[in-house]
Full PDB file with SEQRES, HELIX, SHEET, SSBOND, CRYST1, ORIGX, SCALE, CONECT and MASTER records, all heavy atoms in Angstrom:
SEQRES   1 A   35  PHE SER ILE GLY ILE PRO HIS PHE SER SER LEU LEU ASN          
SEQRES   2 A   35  THR HIS SER TRP ASN GLY GLU MET VAL GLY LEU LYS SER          
SEQRES   3 A   35  VAL SER PRO SER ASP GLN PRO ASN VAL                          
HELIX    1 AA1 PHE A    8  THR A   14  1                                   7    
HELIX    2 AA2 LEU A   24  SER A   26  5                                   3    
HELIX    3 AA3 PRO A   29  ASP A   31  5                                   3    
CRYST1    1.000    1.000    1.000  90.00  90.00  90.00 P 1           1          
ORIGX1      1.000000  0.000000  0.000000        0.00000                         
ORIGX2      0.000000  1.000000  0.000000        0.00000                         
ORIGX3      0.000000  0.000000  1.000000        0.00000                         
SCALE1      1.000000  0.000000  0.000000        0.00000                         
SCALE2      0.000000  1.000000  0.000000        0.00000                         
SCALE3      0.000000  0.000000  1.000000        0.00000                         
ATOM      1  N   PHE A   1       0.820  -1.203  -0.001  1.00  0.00           N  
ATOM      2  CA  PHE A   1      -0.005   0.013  -0.007  1.00  0.00           C  
ATOM      3  C   PHE A   1       0.840   1.277  -0.003  1.00  0.00           C  
ATOM      4  O   PHE A   1       0.612   2.206   0.761  1.00  0.00           O  
ATOM      5  CB  PHE A   1      -0.927   0.020   1.225  1.00  0.00           C  
ATOM      6  CG  PHE A   1      -1.728  -1.236   1.416  1.00  0.00           C  
ATOM      7  CD1 PHE A   1      -1.436  -2.108   2.421  1.00  0.00           C  
ATOM      8  CD2 PHE A   1      -2.779  -1.542   0.526  1.00  0.00           C  
ATOM      9  CE1 PHE A   1      -2.166  -3.277   2.595  1.00  0.00           C  
ATOM     10  CE2 PHE A   1      -3.515  -2.701   0.717  1.00  0.00           C  
ATOM     11  CZ  PHE A   1      -3.201  -3.581   1.724  1.00  0.00           C  
ATOM     12  N   SER A   2       1.860   1.294  -0.841  1.00  0.00           N  
ATOM     13  CA  SER A   2       2.762   2.452  -0.855  1.00  0.00           C  
ATOM     14  C   SER A   2       2.218   3.581  -1.717  1.00  0.00           C  
ATOM     15  O   SER A   2       1.606   3.346  -2.765  1.00  0.00           O  
ATOM     16  CB  SER A   2       4.145   2.042  -1.383  1.00  0.00           C  
ATOM     17  OG  SER A   2       4.056   1.493  -2.677  1.00  0.00           O  
ATOM     18  N   ILE A   3       2.397   4.807  -1.215  1.00  0.00           N  
ATOM     19  CA  ILE A   3       2.048   6.030  -1.932  1.00  0.00           C  
ATOM     20  C   ILE A   3       3.282   6.930  -1.909  1.00  0.00           C  
ATOM     21  O   ILE A   3       3.803   7.246  -0.832  1.00  0.00           O  
ATOM     22  CB  ILE A   3       0.860   6.769  -1.267  1.00  0.00           C  
ATOM     23  CG1 ILE A   3      -0.357   5.849  -1.205  1.00  0.00           C  
ATOM     24  CG2 ILE A   3       0.532   8.055  -1.988  1.00  0.00           C  
ATOM     25  CD1 ILE A   3      -1.505   6.439  -0.393  1.00  0.00           C  
ATOM     26  N   GLY A   4       3.763   7.303  -3.070  1.00  0.00           N  
ATOM     27  CA  GLY A   4       4.993   8.079  -3.101  1.00  0.00           C  
ATOM     28  C   GLY A   4       5.023   9.146  -4.189  1.00  0.00           C  
ATOM     29  O   GLY A   4       4.159   9.209  -5.048  1.00  0.00           O  
ATOM     30  N   ILE A   5       6.057   9.976  -4.105  1.00  0.00           N  
ATOM     31  CA  ILE A   5       6.321  11.023  -5.075  1.00  0.00           C  
ATOM     32  C   ILE A   5       7.563  10.630  -5.850  1.00  0.00           C  
ATOM     33  O   ILE A   5       8.646  10.518  -5.254  1.00  0.00           O  
ATOM     34  CB  ILE A   5       6.527  12.395  -4.394  1.00  0.00           C  
ATOM     35  CG1 ILE A   5       5.338  12.748  -3.499  1.00  0.00           C  
ATOM     36  CG2 ILE A   5       6.743  13.484  -5.443  1.00  0.00           C  
ATOM     37  CD1 ILE A   5       5.542  14.009  -2.682  1.00  0.00           C  
ATOM     38  N   PRO A   6       7.471  10.394  -7.160  1.00  0.00           N  
ATOM     39  CA  PRO A   6       8.621   9.910  -7.921  1.00  0.00           C  
ATOM     40  C   PRO A   6       9.842  10.823  -7.792  1.00  0.00           C  
ATOM     41  O   PRO A   6       9.712  12.060  -7.758  1.00  0.00           O  
ATOM     42  CB  PRO A   6       8.090   9.908  -9.362  1.00  0.00           C  
ATOM     43  CG  PRO A   6       6.597   9.790  -9.228  1.00  0.00           C  
ATOM     44  CD  PRO A   6       6.255  10.553  -7.972  1.00  0.00           C  
ATOM     45  N   HIS A   7      10.994  10.216  -7.685  1.00  0.00           N  
ATOM     46  CA  HIS A   7      12.302  10.859  -7.697  1.00  0.00           C  
ATOM     47  C   HIS A   7      12.651  11.657  -6.429  1.00  0.00           C  
ATOM     48  O   HIS A   7      13.822  12.019  -6.228  1.00  0.00           O  
ATOM     49  CB  HIS A   7      12.440  11.833  -8.891  1.00  0.00           C  
ATOM     50  CG  HIS A   7      12.408  11.145 -10.220  1.00  0.00           C  
ATOM     51  ND1 HIS A   7      13.540  10.615 -10.798  1.00  0.00           N  
ATOM     52  CD2 HIS A   7      11.383  10.927 -11.088  1.00  0.00           C  
ATOM     53  CE1 HIS A   7      13.203  10.077 -11.983  1.00  0.00           C  
ATOM     54  NE2 HIS A   7      11.898  10.258 -12.162  1.00  0.00           N  
ATOM     55  N   PHE A   8      11.685  11.928  -5.571  1.00  0.00           N  
ATOM     56  CA  PHE A   8      11.962  12.862  -4.460  1.00  0.00           C  
ATOM     57  C   PHE A   8      12.865  12.276  -3.380  1.00  0.00           C  
ATOM     58  O   PHE A   8      13.576  13.031  -2.725  1.00  0.00           O  
ATOM     59  CB  PHE A   8      10.639  13.354  -3.855  1.00  0.00           C  
ATOM     60  CG  PHE A   8      10.179  14.640  -4.439  1.00  0.00           C  
ATOM     61  CD1 PHE A   8       9.836  14.739  -5.783  1.00  0.00           C  
ATOM     62  CD2 PHE A   8      10.099  15.788  -3.667  1.00  0.00           C  
ATOM     63  CE1 PHE A   8       9.409  15.911  -6.341  1.00  0.00           C  
ATOM     64  CE2 PHE A   8       9.683  16.984  -4.207  1.00  0.00           C  
ATOM     65  CZ  PHE A   8       9.336  17.070  -5.543  1.00  0.00           C  
ATOM     66  N   SER A   9      12.890  10.988  -3.188  1.00  0.00           N  
ATOM     67  CA  SER A   9      13.815  10.415  -2.213  1.00  0.00           C  
ATOM     68  C   SER A   9      15.260  10.577  -2.698  1.00  0.00           C  
ATOM     69  O   SER A   9      16.147  10.947  -1.916  1.00  0.00           O  
ATOM     70  CB  SER A   9      13.500   8.929  -1.998  1.00  0.00           C  
ATOM     71  OG  SER A   9      14.383   8.366  -1.047  1.00  0.00           O  
ATOM     72  N   SER A  10      15.485  10.333  -3.978  1.00  0.00           N  
ATOM     73  CA  SER A  10      16.816  10.557  -4.542  1.00  0.00           C  
ATOM     74  C   SER A  10      17.202  12.032  -4.455  1.00  0.00           C  
ATOM     75  O   SER A  10      18.336  12.375  -4.127  1.00  0.00           O  
ATOM     76  CB  SER A  10      16.854  10.097  -6.016  1.00  0.00           C  
ATOM     77  OG  SER A  10      16.787   8.694  -6.080  1.00  0.00           O  
ATOM     78  N   LEU A  11      16.247  12.900  -4.733  1.00  0.00           N  
ATOM     79  CA  LEU A  11      16.540  14.336  -4.712  1.00  0.00           C  
ATOM     80  C   LEU A  11      16.922  14.782  -3.294  1.00  0.00           C  
ATOM     81  O   LEU A  11      17.882  15.545  -3.117  1.00  0.00           O  
ATOM     82  CB  LEU A  11      15.327  15.106  -5.190  1.00  0.00           C  
ATOM     83  CG  LEU A  11      15.457  16.640  -5.237  1.00  0.00           C  
ATOM     84  CD1 LEU A  11      16.541  17.043  -6.226  1.00  0.00           C  
ATOM     85  CD2 LEU A  11      14.122  17.286  -5.607  1.00  0.00           C  
ATOM     86  N   LEU A  12      16.205  14.299  -2.279  1.00  0.00           N  
ATOM     87  CA  LEU A  12      16.457  14.743  -0.912  1.00  0.00           C  
ATOM     88  C   LEU A  12      17.747  14.159  -0.372  1.00  0.00           C  
ATOM     89  O   LEU A  12      18.483  14.841   0.371  1.00  0.00           O  
ATOM     90  CB  LEU A  12      15.286  14.339  -0.016  1.00  0.00           C  
ATOM     91  CG  LEU A  12      13.965  15.094  -0.226  1.00  0.00           C  
ATOM     92  CD1 LEU A  12      12.879  14.492   0.625  1.00  0.00           C  
ATOM     93  CD2 LEU A  12      14.125  16.569   0.117  1.00  0.00           C  
ATOM     94  N   ASN A  13      18.065  12.915  -0.707  1.00  0.00           N  
ATOM     95  CA  ASN A  13      19.212  12.259  -0.084  1.00  0.00           C  
ATOM     96  C   ASN A  13      20.494  12.414  -0.886  1.00  0.00           C  
ATOM     97  O   ASN A  13      21.598  12.358  -0.284  1.00  0.00           O  
ATOM     98  CB  ASN A  13      18.900  10.764   0.079  1.00  0.00           C  
ATOM     99  CG  ASN A  13      17.901  10.503   1.192  1.00  0.00           C  
ATOM    100  OD1 ASN A  13      18.261  10.522   2.364  1.00  0.00           O  
ATOM    101  ND2 ASN A  13      16.661  10.229   0.811  1.00  0.00           N  
ATOM    102  N   THR A  14      20.401  12.582  -2.178  1.00  0.00           N  
ATOM    103  CA  THR A  14      21.606  12.746  -2.995  1.00  0.00           C  
ATOM    104  C   THR A  14      21.681  14.130  -3.633  1.00  0.00           C  
ATOM    105  O   THR A  14      22.700  14.461  -4.242  1.00  0.00           O  
ATOM    106  CB  THR A  14      21.646  11.677  -4.118  1.00  0.00           C  
ATOM    107  OG1 THR A  14      20.617  11.962  -5.090  1.00  0.00           O  
ATOM    108  CG2 THR A  14      21.437  10.293  -3.543  1.00  0.00           C  
ATOM    109  N   HIS A  15      20.609  14.902  -3.528  1.00  0.00           N  
ATOM    110  CA  HIS A  15      20.511  16.214  -4.180  1.00  0.00           C  
ATOM    111  C   HIS A  15      20.659  16.091  -5.680  1.00  0.00           C  
ATOM    112  O   HIS A  15      21.172  16.987  -6.358  1.00  0.00           O  
ATOM    113  CB  HIS A  15      21.536  17.195  -3.617  1.00  0.00           C  
ATOM    114  CG  HIS A  15      21.207  17.608  -2.205  1.00  0.00           C  
ATOM    115  ND1 HIS A  15      22.016  18.473  -1.464  1.00  0.00           N  
ATOM    116  CD2 HIS A  15      20.177  17.262  -1.353  1.00  0.00           C  
ATOM    117  CE1 HIS A  15      21.479  18.648  -0.268  1.00  0.00           C  
ATOM    118  NE2 HIS A  15      20.375  17.924  -0.187  1.00  0.00           N  
ATOM    119  N   SER A  16      20.220  14.956  -6.190  1.00  0.00           N  
ATOM    120  CA  SER A  16      20.222  14.697  -7.626  1.00  0.00           C  
ATOM    121  C   SER A  16      18.896  14.029  -7.992  1.00  0.00           C  
ATOM    122  O   SER A  16      18.440  13.119  -7.287  1.00  0.00           O  
ATOM    123  CB  SER A  16      21.404  13.782  -8.018  1.00  0.00           C  
ATOM    124  OG  SER A  16      21.302  13.396  -9.366  1.00  0.00           O  
ATOM    125  N   TRP A  17      18.263  14.470  -9.093  1.00  0.00           N  
ATOM    126  CA  TRP A  17      16.975  13.955  -9.510  1.00  0.00           C  
ATOM    127  C   TRP A  17      16.987  12.466  -9.750  1.00  0.00           C  
ATOM    128  O   TRP A  17      16.041  11.746  -9.432  1.00  0.00           O  
ATOM    129  CB  TRP A  17      16.510  14.707 -10.779  1.00  0.00           C  
ATOM    130  CG  TRP A  17      15.120  14.400 -11.216  1.00  0.00           C  
ATOM    131  CD1 TRP A  17      14.723  13.682 -12.300  1.00  0.00           C  
ATOM    132  CD2 TRP A  17      13.883  14.827 -10.603  1.00  0.00           C  
ATOM    133  NE1 TRP A  17      13.358  13.632 -12.417  1.00  0.00           N  
ATOM    134  CE2 TRP A  17      12.812  14.331 -11.368  1.00  0.00           C  
ATOM    135  CE3 TRP A  17      13.599  15.582  -9.466  1.00  0.00           C  
ATOM    136  CZ2 TRP A  17      11.476  14.565 -11.043  1.00  0.00           C  
ATOM    137  CZ3 TRP A  17      12.275  15.811  -9.137  1.00  0.00           C  
ATOM    138  CH2 TRP A  17      11.225  15.319  -9.929  1.00  0.00           C  
ATOM    139  N   ASN A  18      18.082  11.968 -10.312  1.00  0.00           N  
ATOM    140  CA  ASN A  18      18.219  10.532 -10.595  1.00  0.00           C  
ATOM    141  C   ASN A  18      19.354   9.887  -9.787  1.00  0.00           C  
ATOM    142  O   ASN A  18      19.961   8.923 -10.238  1.00  0.00           O  
ATOM    143  CB  ASN A  18      18.454  10.310 -12.089  1.00  0.00           C  
ATOM    144  CG  ASN A  18      17.217  10.542 -12.919  1.00  0.00           C  
ATOM    145  OD1 ASN A  18      16.171   9.963 -12.644  1.00  0.00           O  
ATOM    146  ND2 ASN A  18      17.295  11.419 -13.912  1.00  0.00           N  
ATOM    147  N   GLY A  19      19.605  10.427  -8.603  1.00  0.00           N  
ATOM    148  CA  GLY A  19      20.659   9.854  -7.776  1.00  0.00           C  
ATOM    149  C   GLY A  19      20.361   8.426  -7.378  1.00  0.00           C  
ATOM    150  O   GLY A  19      19.216   8.039  -7.174  1.00  0.00           O  
ATOM    151  N   GLU A  20      21.415   7.639  -7.262  1.00  0.00           N  
ATOM    152  CA  GLU A  20      21.235   6.208  -6.941  1.00  0.00           C  
ATOM    153  C   GLU A  20      21.067   6.027  -5.429  1.00  0.00           C  
ATOM    154  O   GLU A  20      21.809   6.568  -4.622  1.00  0.00           O  
ATOM    155  CB  GLU A  20      22.442   5.409  -7.421  1.00  0.00           C  
ATOM    156  CG  GLU A  20      22.281   3.895  -7.198  1.00  0.00           C  
ATOM    157  CD  GLU A  20      23.394   3.100  -7.849  1.00  0.00           C  
ATOM    158  OE1 GLU A  20      24.434   2.906  -7.170  1.00  0.00           O  
ATOM    159  OE2 GLU A  20      23.239   2.667  -8.994  1.00  0.00           O  
ATOM    160  N   MET A  21      20.065   5.224  -5.093  1.00  0.00           N  
ATOM    161  CA  MET A  21      19.803   4.875  -3.707  1.00  0.00           C  
ATOM    162  C   MET A  21      20.031   3.372  -3.524  1.00  0.00           C  
ATOM    163  O   MET A  21      19.451   2.554  -4.255  1.00  0.00           O  
ATOM    164  CB  MET A  21      18.375   5.238  -3.336  1.00  0.00           C  
ATOM    165  CG  MET A  21      18.015   6.713  -3.484  1.00  0.00           C  
ATOM    166  SD  MET A  21      18.669   7.681  -2.132  1.00  0.00           S  
ATOM    167  CE  MET A  21      17.662   7.103  -0.780  1.00  0.00           C  
ATOM    168  N   VAL A  22      20.844   3.024  -2.532  1.00  0.00           N  
ATOM    169  CA  VAL A  22      21.132   1.614  -2.242  1.00  0.00           C  
ATOM    170  C   VAL A  22      19.895   1.009  -1.586  1.00  0.00           C  
ATOM    171  O   VAL A  22      19.280   1.600  -0.723  1.00  0.00           O  
ATOM    172  CB  VAL A  22      22.339   1.487  -1.336  1.00  0.00           C  
ATOM    173  CG1 VAL A  22      22.569   0.036  -0.932  1.00  0.00           C  
ATOM    174  CG2 VAL A  22      23.575   2.065  -2.034  1.00  0.00           C  
ATOM    175  N   GLY A  23      19.533  -0.212  -2.036  1.00  0.00           N  
ATOM    176  CA  GLY A  23      18.375  -0.883  -1.501  1.00  0.00           C  
ATOM    177  C   GLY A  23      18.713  -1.809  -0.344  1.00  0.00           C  
ATOM    178  O   GLY A  23      19.852  -2.239  -0.174  1.00  0.00           O  
ATOM    179  N   LEU A  24      17.718  -2.131   0.441  1.00  0.00           N  
ATOM    180  CA  LEU A  24      17.893  -3.042   1.579  1.00  0.00           C  
ATOM    181  C   LEU A  24      18.326  -4.423   1.148  1.00  0.00           C  
ATOM    182  O   LEU A  24      19.047  -5.139   1.869  1.00  0.00           O  
ATOM    183  CB  LEU A  24      16.602  -3.124   2.392  1.00  0.00           C  
ATOM    184  CG  LEU A  24      16.245  -1.885   3.212  1.00  0.00           C  
ATOM    185  CD1 LEU A  24      14.757  -1.847   3.495  1.00  0.00           C  
ATOM    186  CD2 LEU A  24      17.031  -1.883   4.528  1.00  0.00           C  
ATOM    187  N   LYS A  25      17.892  -4.850  -0.042  1.00  0.00           N  
ATOM    188  CA  LYS A  25      18.219  -6.180  -0.534  1.00  0.00           C  
ATOM    189  C   LYS A  25      19.703  -6.324  -0.904  1.00  0.00           C  
ATOM    190  O   LYS A  25      20.155  -7.425  -1.182  1.00  0.00           O  
ATOM    191  CB  LYS A  25      17.366  -6.526  -1.738  1.00  0.00           C  
ATOM    192  CG  LYS A  25      15.900  -6.732  -1.429  1.00  0.00           C  
ATOM    193  CD  LYS A  25      15.137  -7.109  -2.679  1.00  0.00           C  
ATOM    194  CE  LYS A  25      13.640  -7.289  -2.414  1.00  0.00           C  
ATOM    195  NZ  LYS A  25      12.888  -7.630  -3.650  1.00  0.00           N  
ATOM    196  N   SER A  26      20.453  -5.216  -0.875  1.00  0.00           N  
ATOM    197  CA  SER A  26      21.888  -5.294  -1.157  1.00  0.00           C  
ATOM    198  C   SER A  26      22.640  -5.979  -0.028  1.00  0.00           C  
ATOM    199  O   SER A  26      23.825  -6.335  -0.189  1.00  0.00           O  
ATOM    200  CB  SER A  26      22.461  -3.904  -1.407  1.00  0.00           C  
ATOM    201  OG  SER A  26      22.345  -3.093  -0.248  1.00  0.00           O  
ATOM    202  N   VAL A  27      22.012  -6.148   1.112  1.00  0.00           N  
ATOM    203  CA  VAL A  27      22.616  -6.900   2.222  1.00  0.00           C  
ATOM    204  C   VAL A  27      21.651  -8.010   2.637  1.00  0.00           C  
ATOM    205  O   VAL A  27      20.471  -7.986   2.267  1.00  0.00           O  
ATOM    206  CB  VAL A  27      22.924  -5.979   3.448  1.00  0.00           C  
ATOM    207  CG1 VAL A  27      23.924  -4.894   3.077  1.00  0.00           C  
ATOM    208  CG2 VAL A  27      21.632  -5.353   3.997  1.00  0.00           C  
ATOM    209  N   SER A  28      22.150  -8.956   3.384  1.00  0.00           N  
ATOM    210  CA  SER A  28      21.303 -10.059   3.820  1.00  0.00           C  
ATOM    211  C   SER A  28      20.265  -9.561   4.823  1.00  0.00           C  
ATOM    212  O   SER A  28      20.498  -8.549   5.510  1.00  0.00           O  
ATOM    213  CB  SER A  28      22.145 -11.174   4.440  1.00  0.00           C  
ATOM    214  OG  SER A  28      22.717 -10.714   5.652  1.00  0.00           O  
ATOM    215  N   PRO A  29      19.135 -10.227   4.961  1.00  0.00           N  
ATOM    216  CA  PRO A  29      18.118  -9.828   5.944  1.00  0.00           C  
ATOM    217  C   PRO A  29      18.664  -9.711   7.366  1.00  0.00           C  
ATOM    218  O   PRO A  29      18.189  -8.898   8.143  1.00  0.00           O  
ATOM    219  CB  PRO A  29      17.070 -10.917   5.826  1.00  0.00           C  
ATOM    220  CG  PRO A  29      17.193 -11.411   4.421  1.00  0.00           C  
ATOM    221  CD  PRO A  29      18.665 -11.344   4.108  1.00  0.00           C  
ATOM    222  N   SER A  30      19.692 -10.497   7.684  1.00  0.00           N  
ATOM    223  CA  SER A  30      20.254 -10.432   9.037  1.00  0.00           C  
ATOM    224  C   SER A  30      21.020  -9.146   9.279  1.00  0.00           C  
ATOM    225  O   SER A  30      21.323  -8.803  10.432  1.00  0.00           O  
ATOM    226  CB  SER A  30      21.182 -11.657   9.285  1.00  0.00           C  
ATOM    227  OG  SER A  30      22.275 -11.619   8.367  1.00  0.00           O  
ATOM    228  N   ASP A  31      21.396  -8.448   8.202  1.00  0.00           N  
ATOM    229  CA  ASP A  31      22.104  -7.182   8.314  1.00  0.00           C  
ATOM    230  C   ASP A  31      21.204  -5.971   8.142  1.00  0.00           C  
ATOM    231  O   ASP A  31      21.679  -4.850   8.037  1.00  0.00           O  
ATOM    232  CB  ASP A  31      23.245  -7.116   7.286  1.00  0.00           C  
ATOM    233  CG  ASP A  31      24.381  -8.049   7.630  1.00  0.00           C  
ATOM    234  OD1 ASP A  31      24.527  -8.407   8.821  1.00  0.00           O  
ATOM    235  OD2 ASP A  31      25.145  -8.452   6.712  1.00  0.00           O  
ATOM    236  N   GLN A  32      19.891  -6.208   8.106  1.00  0.00           N  
ATOM    237  CA  GLN A  32      18.931  -5.133   7.948  1.00  0.00           C  
ATOM    238  C   GLN A  32      18.347  -4.727   9.301  1.00  0.00           C  
ATOM    239  O   GLN A  32      18.101  -5.582  10.141  1.00  0.00           O  
ATOM    240  CB  GLN A  32      17.790  -5.545   7.027  1.00  0.00           C  
ATOM    241  CG  GLN A  32      18.199  -5.869   5.606  1.00  0.00           C  
ATOM    242  CD  GLN A  32      17.056  -6.479   4.791  1.00  0.00           C  
ATOM    243  OE1 GLN A  32      15.942  -6.664   5.306  1.00  0.00           O  
ATOM    244  NE2 GLN A  32      17.326  -6.784   3.530  1.00  0.00           N  
ATOM    245  N   PRO A  33      18.117  -3.436   9.526  1.00  0.00           N  
ATOM    246  CA  PRO A  33      17.437  -3.005  10.744  1.00  0.00           C  
ATOM    247  C   PRO A  33      15.947  -3.328  10.671  1.00  0.00           C  
ATOM    248  O   PRO A  33      15.471  -3.818   9.637  1.00  0.00           O  
ATOM    249  CB  PRO A  33      17.672  -1.491  10.759  1.00  0.00           C  
ATOM    250  CG  PRO A  33      17.771  -1.118   9.313  1.00  0.00           C  
ATOM    251  CD  PRO A  33      18.437  -2.306   8.640  1.00  0.00           C  
ATOM    252  N   ASN A  34      15.242  -3.045  11.733  1.00  0.00           N  
ATOM    253  CA  ASN A  34      13.774  -3.210  11.718  1.00  0.00           C  
ATOM    254  C   ASN A  34      13.200  -2.079  10.887  1.00  0.00           C  
ATOM    255  O   ASN A  34      13.114  -0.933  11.323  1.00  0.00           O  
ATOM    256  CB  ASN A  34      13.236  -3.147  13.149  1.00  0.00           C  
ATOM    257  CG  ASN A  34      11.764  -3.502  13.213  1.00  0.00           C  
ATOM    258  OD1 ASN A  34      10.949  -2.937  12.511  1.00  0.00           O  
ATOM    259  ND2 ASN A  34      11.427  -4.462  14.079  1.00  0.00           N  
ATOM    260  N   VAL A  35      12.802  -2.395   9.652  1.00  0.00           N  
ATOM    261  CA  VAL A  35      12.449  -1.393   8.679  1.00  0.00           C  
ATOM    262  C   VAL A  35      11.181  -0.633   9.093  1.00  0.00           C  
ATOM    263  O   VAL A  35      11.104   0.595   8.973  1.00  0.00           O  
ATOM    264  CB  VAL A  35      12.276  -2.008   7.276  1.00  0.00           C  
ATOM    265  CG1 VAL A  35      11.871  -0.955   6.265  1.00  0.00           C  
ATOM    266  CG2 VAL A  35      13.560  -2.719   6.857  1.00  0.00           C  
TER     267      VAL A  35                                                      
MASTER        0    0    0    3    0    0    0    6  266    1    0    3          
END                                                                             
């Protein structure tokens, strides 16, 4: 049930419209915090 604004997370965190954001799946579930 996600509702979002396209590109804005990249813009806020990288200050780039198409900045790359690392995903949680890049690490094993045991290395993830309680999301």
